[in-house]
């Protein structure tokens, strides 16, 4: 699926390139556009889109900008198949790497990047593996530095024995390219492995979440 749409393409001060991605068990849905839009407005847009199926999020975002009379251009929506090894490797990098390089790669040059991954995959007759991730990377227009935030969990679950293995972390950058872990938890999952986890709300509140208890309250519903 590839949709392209342009609206009001005249130059405007404050225009930035934005990229938003929602990943499910099967597909990664990516939306990119240019607009004069700040973090607060994007958070409201993400909150509004949270009730949509991931496959309908691109249309929900476009509709939000139209109904709120936001000026945007170069709107593009793409859906791509997920590869298990790629998803898990990317999640591992986000939760463990000391640099911001993995977020830089996800942003693909965008000034503002927001991403969600809500992914599970059966890797054997009784083994399930997956991850939850909410990430943001915003480049300052004043000094060019990035504000990077990550909340995520990777996990494995054996359905025959009930044994589970997980790692949860809340991270942000310090300085230009160093990621710092605010809180981490291994063993018992912070976010439930099964059921409804509201990753869109977690993403919208990512700047205010600093503890695993806050993350659980926002995401578990």
C-alpha atoms as a PDB file:
ATOM      1  CA  UNK A   1       0.000   0.000   0.000  1.00  0.00           C
ATOM      2  CA  UNK A   2       1.435   3.370  -0.987  1.00  0.00           C
ATOM      3  CA  UNK A   3      -0.621   6.564  -0.765  1.00  0.00           C
ATOM      4  CA  UNK A   4       0.644   9.991  -1.678  1.00  0.00           C
ATOM      5  CA  UNK A   5      -1.173  13.243  -1.135  1.00  0.00           C
ATOM      6  CA  UNK A   6      -0.169  16.893  -1.188  1.00  0.00           C
ATOM      7  CA  UNK A   7      -1.978  19.840   0.323  1.00  0.00           C
ATOM      8  CA  UNK A   8      -1.000  23.529   0.570  1.00  0.00           C
ATOM      9  CA  UNK A   9       2.601  23.173  -0.531  1.00  0.00           C
ATOM     10  CA  UNK A  10       3.591  26.827  -0.066  1.00  0.00           C
ATOM     11  CA  UNK A  11       6.716  27.397   2.091  1.00  0.00           C
ATOM     12  CA  UNK A  12       6.093  28.297   5.725  1.00  0.00           C
ATOM     13  CA  UNK A  13       8.337  29.077   8.707  1.00  0.00           C
ATOM     14  CA  UNK A  14       8.577  26.205  11.145  1.00  0.00           C
ATOM     15  CA  UNK A  15       7.953  23.443   8.626  1.00  0.00           C
ATOM     16  CA  UNK A  16       9.506  20.147   9.689  1.00  0.00           C
ATOM     17  CA  UNK A  17       9.634  16.635   8.291  1.00  0.00           C
ATOM     18  CA  UNK A  18       7.615  14.201  10.422  1.00  0.00           C
ATOM     19  CA  UNK A  19       7.549  10.411  10.422  1.00  0.00           C
ATOM     20  CA  UNK A  20       5.125   8.249  12.425  1.00  0.00           C
ATOM     21  CA  UNK A  21       5.203   4.427  12.489  1.00  0.00           C
ATOM     22  CA  UNK A  22       2.861   1.811  13.966  1.00  0.00           C
ATOM     23  CA  UNK A  23       4.066  -1.795  13.955  1.00  0.00           C
ATOM     24  CA  UNK A  24       1.815  -4.834  14.408  1.00  0.00           C
ATOM     25  CA  UNK A  25       2.391  -8.594  14.238  1.00  0.00           C
ATOM     26  CA  UNK A  26       2.303  -8.528  10.437  1.00  0.00           C
ATOM     27  CA  UNK A  27       2.896  -5.025   9.071  1.00  0.00           C
ATOM     28  CA  UNK A  28       4.719  -1.789   9.793  1.00  0.00           C
ATOM     29  CA  UNK A  29       2.553   1.198   8.845  1.00  0.00           C
ATOM     30  CA  UNK A  30       4.586   4.347   8.140  1.00  0.00           C
ATOM     31  CA  UNK A  31       3.321   7.892   7.632  1.00  0.00           C
ATOM     32  CA  UNK A  32       5.502  10.815   6.609  1.00  0.00           C
ATOM     33  CA  UNK A  33       4.633  14.436   5.877  1.00  0.00           C
ATOM     34  CA  UNK A  34       5.887  18.006   6.229  1.00  0.00           C
ATOM     35  CA  UNK A  35       4.033  20.417   8.492  1.00  0.00           C
ATOM     36  CA  UNK A  36       4.354  23.261  10.970  1.00  0.00           C
ATOM     37  CA  UNK A  37       3.332  21.151  13.962  1.00  0.00           C
ATOM     38  CA  UNK A  38       4.698  20.916  17.506  1.00  0.00           C
ATOM     39  CA  UNK A  39       4.987  18.001  19.947  1.00  0.00           C
ATOM     40  CA  UNK A  40       1.787  18.962  21.781  1.00  0.00           C
ATOM     41  CA  UNK A  41      -0.277  18.873  18.586  1.00  0.00           C
ATOM     42  CA  UNK A  42       1.271  15.558  17.522  1.00  0.00           C
ATOM     43  CA  UNK A  43       0.456  14.082  20.943  1.00  0.00           C
ATOM     44  CA  UNK A  44      -3.171  15.135  20.518  1.00  0.00           C
ATOM     45  CA  UNK A  45      -3.172  13.593  17.053  1.00  0.00           C
ATOM     46  CA  UNK A  46      -1.722  10.316  18.355  1.00  0.00           C
ATOM     47  CA  UNK A  47      -4.280  10.208  21.155  1.00  0.00           C
ATOM     48  CA  UNK A  48      -7.107  10.740  18.662  1.00  0.00           C
ATOM     49  CA  UNK A  49      -5.772   8.000  16.369  1.00  0.00           C
ATOM     50  CA  UNK A  50      -5.409   5.463  19.200  1.00  0.00           C
ATOM     51  CA  UNK A  51      -8.911   4.053  18.697  1.00  0.00           C
ATOM     52  CA  UNK A  52      -8.122   3.141  15.080  1.00  0.00           C
ATOM     53  CA  UNK A  53      -6.743  -0.168  13.885  1.00  0.00           C
ATOM     54  CA  UNK A  54      -3.087   0.249  12.955  1.00  0.00           C
ATOM     55  CA  UNK A  55      -3.927  -0.230   9.288  1.00  0.00           C
ATOM     56  CA  UNK A  56      -6.307   2.743   9.537  1.00  0.00           C
ATOM     57  CA  UNK A  57      -3.930   5.061  11.409  1.00  0.00           C
ATOM     58  CA  UNK A  58      -2.589   6.783   8.249  1.00  0.00           C
ATOM     59  CA  UNK A  59      -6.092   7.842   7.274  1.00  0.00           C
ATOM     60  CA  UNK A  60      -6.860   8.887  10.876  1.00  0.00           C
ATOM     61  CA  UNK A  61      -3.773  11.114  10.910  1.00  0.00           C
ATOM     62  CA  UNK A  62      -4.634  12.694   7.579  1.00  0.00           C
ATOM     63  CA  UNK A  63      -8.222  13.272   8.717  1.00  0.00           C
ATOM     64  CA  UNK A  64      -7.029  14.889  11.952  1.00  0.00           C
ATOM     65  CA  UNK A  65      -4.849  17.373  10.062  1.00  0.00           C
ATOM     66  CA  UNK A  66      -7.663  18.171   7.646  1.00  0.00           C
ATOM     67  CA  UNK A  67     -10.306  18.704  10.343  1.00  0.00           C
ATOM     68  CA  UNK A  68      -7.932  20.837  12.449  1.00  0.00           C
ATOM     69  CA  UNK A  69      -6.921  22.907   9.401  1.00  0.00           C
ATOM     70  CA  UNK A  70      -3.232  22.052   9.759  1.00  0.00           C
ATOM     71  CA  UNK A  71      -1.109  22.934   6.752  1.00  0.00           C
ATOM     72  CA  UNK A  72       0.863  19.963   5.470  1.00  0.00           C
ATOM     73  CA  UNK A  73       2.445  18.591   2.316  1.00  0.00           C
ATOM     74  CA  UNK A  74       4.084  15.468   0.910  1.00  0.00           C
ATOM     75  CA  UNK A  75       1.805  13.106   2.822  1.00  0.00           C
ATOM     76  CA  UNK A  76       2.878   9.511   2.200  1.00  0.00           C
ATOM     77  CA  UNK A  77       1.623   6.272   3.762  1.00  0.00           C
ATOM     78  CA  UNK A  78       3.332   2.909   3.282  1.00  0.00           C
ATOM     79  CA  UNK A  79       2.724  -0.586   4.691  1.00  0.00           C
ATOM     80  CA  UNK A  80       5.582  -3.107   4.746  1.00  0.00           C
ATOM     81  CA  UNK A  81       5.750  -6.730   5.919  1.00  0.00           C
ATOM     82  CA  UNK A  82       7.483  -7.289   9.267  1.00  0.00           C
ATOM     83  CA  UNK A  83      10.414  -9.697   9.540  1.00  0.00           C
ATOM     84  CA  UNK A  84      10.727 -11.349  12.952  1.00  0.00           C
ATOM     85  CA  UNK A  85      14.509 -11.252  13.265  1.00  0.00           C
ATOM     86  CA  UNK A  86      14.614  -7.621  12.124  1.00  0.00           C
ATOM     87  CA  UNK A  87      11.939  -6.513  14.611  1.00  0.00           C
ATOM     88  CA  UNK A  88      13.560  -8.255  17.574  1.00  0.00           C
ATOM     89  CA  UNK A  89      17.046  -7.035  16.686  1.00  0.00           C
ATOM     90  CA  UNK A  90      15.802  -3.441  16.423  1.00  0.00           C
ATOM     91  CA  UNK A  91      14.001  -3.701  19.785  1.00  0.00           C
ATOM     92  CA  UNK A  92      17.127  -5.122  21.404  1.00  0.00           C
ATOM     93  CA  UNK A  93      19.201  -2.208  20.109  1.00  0.00           C
ATOM     94  CA  UNK A  94      16.703   0.347  21.393  1.00  0.00           C
ATOM     95  CA  UNK A  95      16.732  -1.135  24.907  1.00  0.00           C
ATOM     96  CA  UNK A  96      20.442  -1.887  25.245  1.00  0.00           C
ATOM     97  CA  UNK A  97      22.618   0.225  22.924  1.00  0.00           C
ATOM     98  CA  UNK A  98      24.510   3.136  24.474  1.00  0.00           C
ATOM     99  CA  UNK A  99      24.084   5.457  21.475  1.00  0.00           C
ATOM    100  CA  UNK A 100      21.135   7.055  19.660  1.00  0.00           C
ATOM    101  CA  UNK A 101      22.157   5.455  16.361  1.00  0.00           C
ATOM    102  CA  UNK A 102      19.236   3.003  16.250  1.00  0.00           C
ATOM    103  CA  UNK A 103      16.724   5.842  16.649  1.00  0.00           C
ATOM    104  CA  UNK A 104      18.535   7.890  14.013  1.00  0.00           C
ATOM    105  CA  UNK A 105      18.153   4.992  11.576  1.00  0.00           C
ATOM    106  CA  UNK A 106      14.438   4.670  12.312  1.00  0.00           C
ATOM    107  CA  UNK A 107      13.872   8.401  11.791  1.00  0.00           C
ATOM    108  CA  UNK A 108      15.401   8.305   8.285  1.00  0.00           C
ATOM    109  CA  UNK A 109      16.233  11.982   8.370  1.00  0.00           C
ATOM    110  CA  UNK A 110      12.904  13.190   9.817  1.00  0.00           C
ATOM    111  CA  UNK A 111      12.976  16.143  12.216  1.00  0.00           C
ATOM    112  CA  UNK A 112      10.273  14.521  14.341  1.00  0.00           C
ATOM    113  CA  UNK A 113       9.911  10.757  14.648  1.00  0.00           C
ATOM    114  CA  UNK A 114       7.318   8.819  16.652  1.00  0.00           C
ATOM    115  CA  UNK A 115       7.068   5.044  16.637  1.00  0.00           C
ATOM    116  CA  UNK A 116       5.124   2.193  18.205  1.00  0.00           C
ATOM    117  CA  UNK A 117       5.803  -1.527  18.056  1.00  0.00           C
ATOM    118  CA  UNK A 118       3.240  -3.993  19.425  1.00  0.00           C
ATOM    119  CA  UNK A 119       4.554  -7.301  18.192  1.00  0.00           C
ATOM    120  CA  UNK A 120       4.259 -11.027  18.985  1.00  0.00           C
ATOM    121  CA  UNK A 121       5.355 -14.052  16.988  1.00  0.00           C
ATOM    122  CA  UNK A 122       5.217 -17.785  17.657  1.00  0.00           C
ATOM    123  CA  UNK A 123       8.731 -19.124  17.122  1.00  0.00           C
ATOM    124  CA  UNK A 124       7.990 -22.797  17.893  1.00  0.00           C
ATOM    125  CA  UNK A 125       5.198 -25.116  18.921  1.00  0.00           C
ATOM    126  CA  UNK A 126       5.100 -23.621  22.424  1.00  0.00           C
ATOM    127  CA  UNK A 127       7.285 -20.489  22.315  1.00  0.00           C
ATOM    128  CA  UNK A 128       6.117 -16.913  21.766  1.00  0.00           C
ATOM    129  CA  UNK A 129       8.514 -13.993  21.374  1.00  0.00           C
ATOM    130  CA  UNK A 130       7.823 -10.316  20.943  1.00  0.00           C
ATOM    131  CA  UNK A 131       8.271  -6.719  22.015  1.00  0.00           C
ATOM    132  CA  UNK A 132       6.524  -3.488  22.942  1.00  0.00           C
ATOM    133  CA  UNK A 133       8.228  -0.202  22.089  1.00  0.00           C
ATOM    134  CA  UNK A 134       7.230   3.457  22.164  1.00  0.00           C
ATOM    135  CA  UNK A 135       9.916   5.828  20.884  1.00  0.00           C
ATOM    136  CA  UNK A 136      10.320   9.471  19.926  1.00  0.00           C
ATOM    137  CA  UNK A 137      13.162  11.507  18.478  1.00  0.00           C
ATOM    138  CA  UNK A 138      12.724  15.265  18.092  1.00  0.00           C
ATOM    139  CA  UNK A 139      15.426  17.496  16.607  1.00  0.00           C
ATOM    140  CA  UNK A 140      15.635  21.000  18.053  1.00  0.00           C
ATOM    141  CA  UNK A 141      15.350  23.738  15.442  1.00  0.00           C
ATOM    142  CA  UNK A 142      17.455  26.035  17.652  1.00  0.00           C
ATOM    143  CA  UNK A 143      20.640  23.998  18.098  1.00  0.00           C
ATOM    144  CA  UNK A 144      20.155  20.820  16.065  1.00  0.00           C
ATOM    145  CA  UNK A 145      20.352  18.469  19.073  1.00  0.00           C
ATOM    146  CA  UNK A 146      17.928  15.560  19.471  1.00  0.00           C
ATOM    147  CA  UNK A 147      15.603  14.677  22.333  1.00  0.00           C
ATOM    148  CA  UNK A 148      15.368  10.860  22.286  1.00  0.00           C
ATOM    149  CA  UNK A 149      12.936   8.799  24.402  1.00  0.00           C
ATOM    150  CA  UNK A 150      12.387   5.035  24.562  1.00  0.00           C
ATOM    151  CA  UNK A 151      10.008   2.880  26.569  1.00  0.00           C
ATOM    152  CA  UNK A 152      10.070  -0.788  25.698  1.00  0.00           C
ATOM    153  CA  UNK A 153       9.926  -4.412  26.654  1.00  0.00           C
ATOM    154  CA  UNK A 154      11.185  -7.569  24.945  1.00  0.00           C
ATOM    155  CA  UNK A 155       9.901 -10.946  26.049  1.00  0.00           C
ATOM    156  CA  UNK A 156       9.722 -14.698  25.535  1.00  0.00           C
ATOM    157  CA  UNK A 157       6.949 -16.977  26.770  1.00  0.00           C
ATOM    158  CA  UNK A 158       6.703 -20.787  26.842  1.00  0.00           C
ATOM    159  CA  UNK A 159       3.045 -21.767  26.633  1.00  0.00           C
ATOM    160  CA  UNK A 160       3.677 -25.346  27.730  1.00  0.00           C
ATOM    161  CA  UNK A 161       5.490 -24.485  30.973  1.00  0.00           C
ATOM    162  CA  UNK A 162       4.245 -20.941  31.605  1.00  0.00           C
ATOM    163  CA  UNK A 163       7.821 -19.709  31.939  1.00  0.00           C
ATOM    164  CA  UNK A 164       8.436 -16.159  30.813  1.00  0.00           C
ATOM    165  CA  UNK A 165      11.512 -14.031  30.295  1.00  0.00           C
ATOM    166  CA  UNK A 166      11.375 -10.288  29.794  1.00  0.00           C
ATOM    167  CA  UNK A 167      13.368  -7.069  29.942  1.00  0.00           C
ATOM    168  CA  UNK A 168      11.788  -3.634  30.347  1.00  0.00           C
ATOM    169  CA  UNK A 169      13.508  -0.253  30.149  1.00  0.00           C
ATOM    170  CA  UNK A 170      12.802   3.482  30.096  1.00  0.00           C
ATOM    171  CA  UNK A 171      15.563   5.438  28.389  1.00  0.00           C
ATOM    172  CA  UNK A 172      16.456   8.953  27.246  1.00  0.00           C
ATOM    173  CA  UNK A 173      19.511  10.568  25.760  1.00  0.00           C
ATOM    174  CA  UNK A 174      22.128  12.557  27.619  1.00  0.00           C
ATOM    175  CA  UNK A 175      24.195  14.844  25.434  1.00  0.00           C
ATOM    176  CA  UNK A 176      24.159  14.435  21.707  1.00  0.00           C
ATOM    177  CA  UNK A 177      24.433  10.691  21.199  1.00  0.00           C
ATOM    178  CA  UNK A 178      24.451   8.828  24.522  1.00  0.00           C
ATOM    179  CA  UNK A 179      21.409   6.890  25.752  1.00  0.00           C
ATOM    180  CA  UNK A 180      20.835   6.693  29.511  1.00  0.00           C
ATOM    181  CA  UNK A 181      18.564   4.126  31.213  1.00  0.00           C
ATOM    182  CA  UNK A 182      16.235   5.767  33.754  1.00  0.00           C
ATOM    183  CA  UNK A 183      14.759   2.476  34.937  1.00  0.00           C
ATOM    184  CA  UNK A 184      15.009  -1.178  33.961  1.00  0.00           C
ATOM    185  CA  UNK A 185      13.378  -4.408  35.106  1.00  0.00           C
ATOM    186  CA  UNK A 186      14.179  -8.015  34.184  1.00  0.00           C
ATOM    187  CA  UNK A 187      12.126 -11.123  34.887  1.00  0.00           C
ATOM    188  CA  UNK A 188       8.502 -10.272  35.646  1.00  0.00           C
ATOM    189  CA  UNK A 189       7.033  -8.255  32.731  1.00  0.00           C
ATOM    190  CA  UNK A 190       5.915  -4.683  33.387  1.00  0.00           C
ATOM    191  CA  UNK A 191       3.581  -4.716  30.380  1.00  0.00           C
ATOM    192  CA  UNK A 192       1.345  -7.793  30.074  1.00  0.00           C
ATOM    193  CA  UNK A 193       2.347 -10.311  27.439  1.00  0.00           C
ATOM    194  CA  UNK A 194      -1.268 -10.870  26.431  1.00  0.00           C
ATOM    195  CA  UNK A 195      -4.303  -8.598  26.384  1.00  0.00           C
ATOM    196  CA  UNK A 196      -4.759  -4.974  25.416  1.00  0.00           C
ATOM    197  CA  UNK A 197      -1.728  -2.700  25.874  1.00  0.00           C
ATOM    198  CA  UNK A 198      -2.353   0.952  24.933  1.00  0.00           C
ATOM    199  CA  UNK A 199       0.934   1.837  23.274  1.00  0.00           C
ATOM    200  CA  UNK A 200      -0.490   5.009  21.658  1.00  0.00           C
ATOM    201  CA  UNK A 201      -1.230   6.539  25.081  1.00  0.00           C
ATOM    202  CA  UNK A 202       2.228   5.506  26.268  1.00  0.00           C
ATOM    203  CA  UNK A 203       3.763   7.222  23.247  1.00  0.00           C
ATOM    204  CA  UNK A 204       1.732  10.403  23.765  1.00  0.00           C
ATOM    205  CA  UNK A 205       2.960  10.600  27.373  1.00  0.00           C
ATOM    206  CA  UNK A 206       6.500   9.402  26.752  1.00  0.00           C
ATOM    207  CA  UNK A 207       8.196  12.582  28.027  1.00  0.00           C
ATOM    208  CA  UNK A 208       6.548  12.377  31.466  1.00  0.00           C
ATOM    209  CA  UNK A 209       7.058   8.649  32.111  1.00  0.00           C
ATOM    210  CA  UNK A 210      10.125   7.925  34.259  1.00  0.00           C
ATOM    211  CA  UNK A 211       9.109   4.801  36.241  1.00  0.00           C
ATOM    212  CA  UNK A 212       7.796   1.350  35.379  1.00  0.00           C
ATOM    213  CA  UNK A 213       4.714   1.996  37.551  1.00  0.00           C
ATOM    214  CA  UNK A 214       3.801   5.051  35.456  1.00  0.00           C
ATOM    215  CA  UNK A 215       4.296   3.077  32.248  1.00  0.00           C
ATOM    216  CA  UNK A 216       2.090   0.251  33.500  1.00  0.00           C
ATOM    217  CA  UNK A 217      -0.704   2.614  34.571  1.00  0.00           C
ATOM    218  CA  UNK A 218      -0.778   4.306  31.177  1.00  0.00           C
ATOM    219  CA  UNK A 219      -0.447   1.256  28.959  1.00  0.00           C
ATOM    220  CA  UNK A 220      -2.423  -1.447  30.801  1.00  0.00           C
ATOM    221  CA  UNK A 221      -6.165  -1.261  30.178  1.00  0.00           C
END
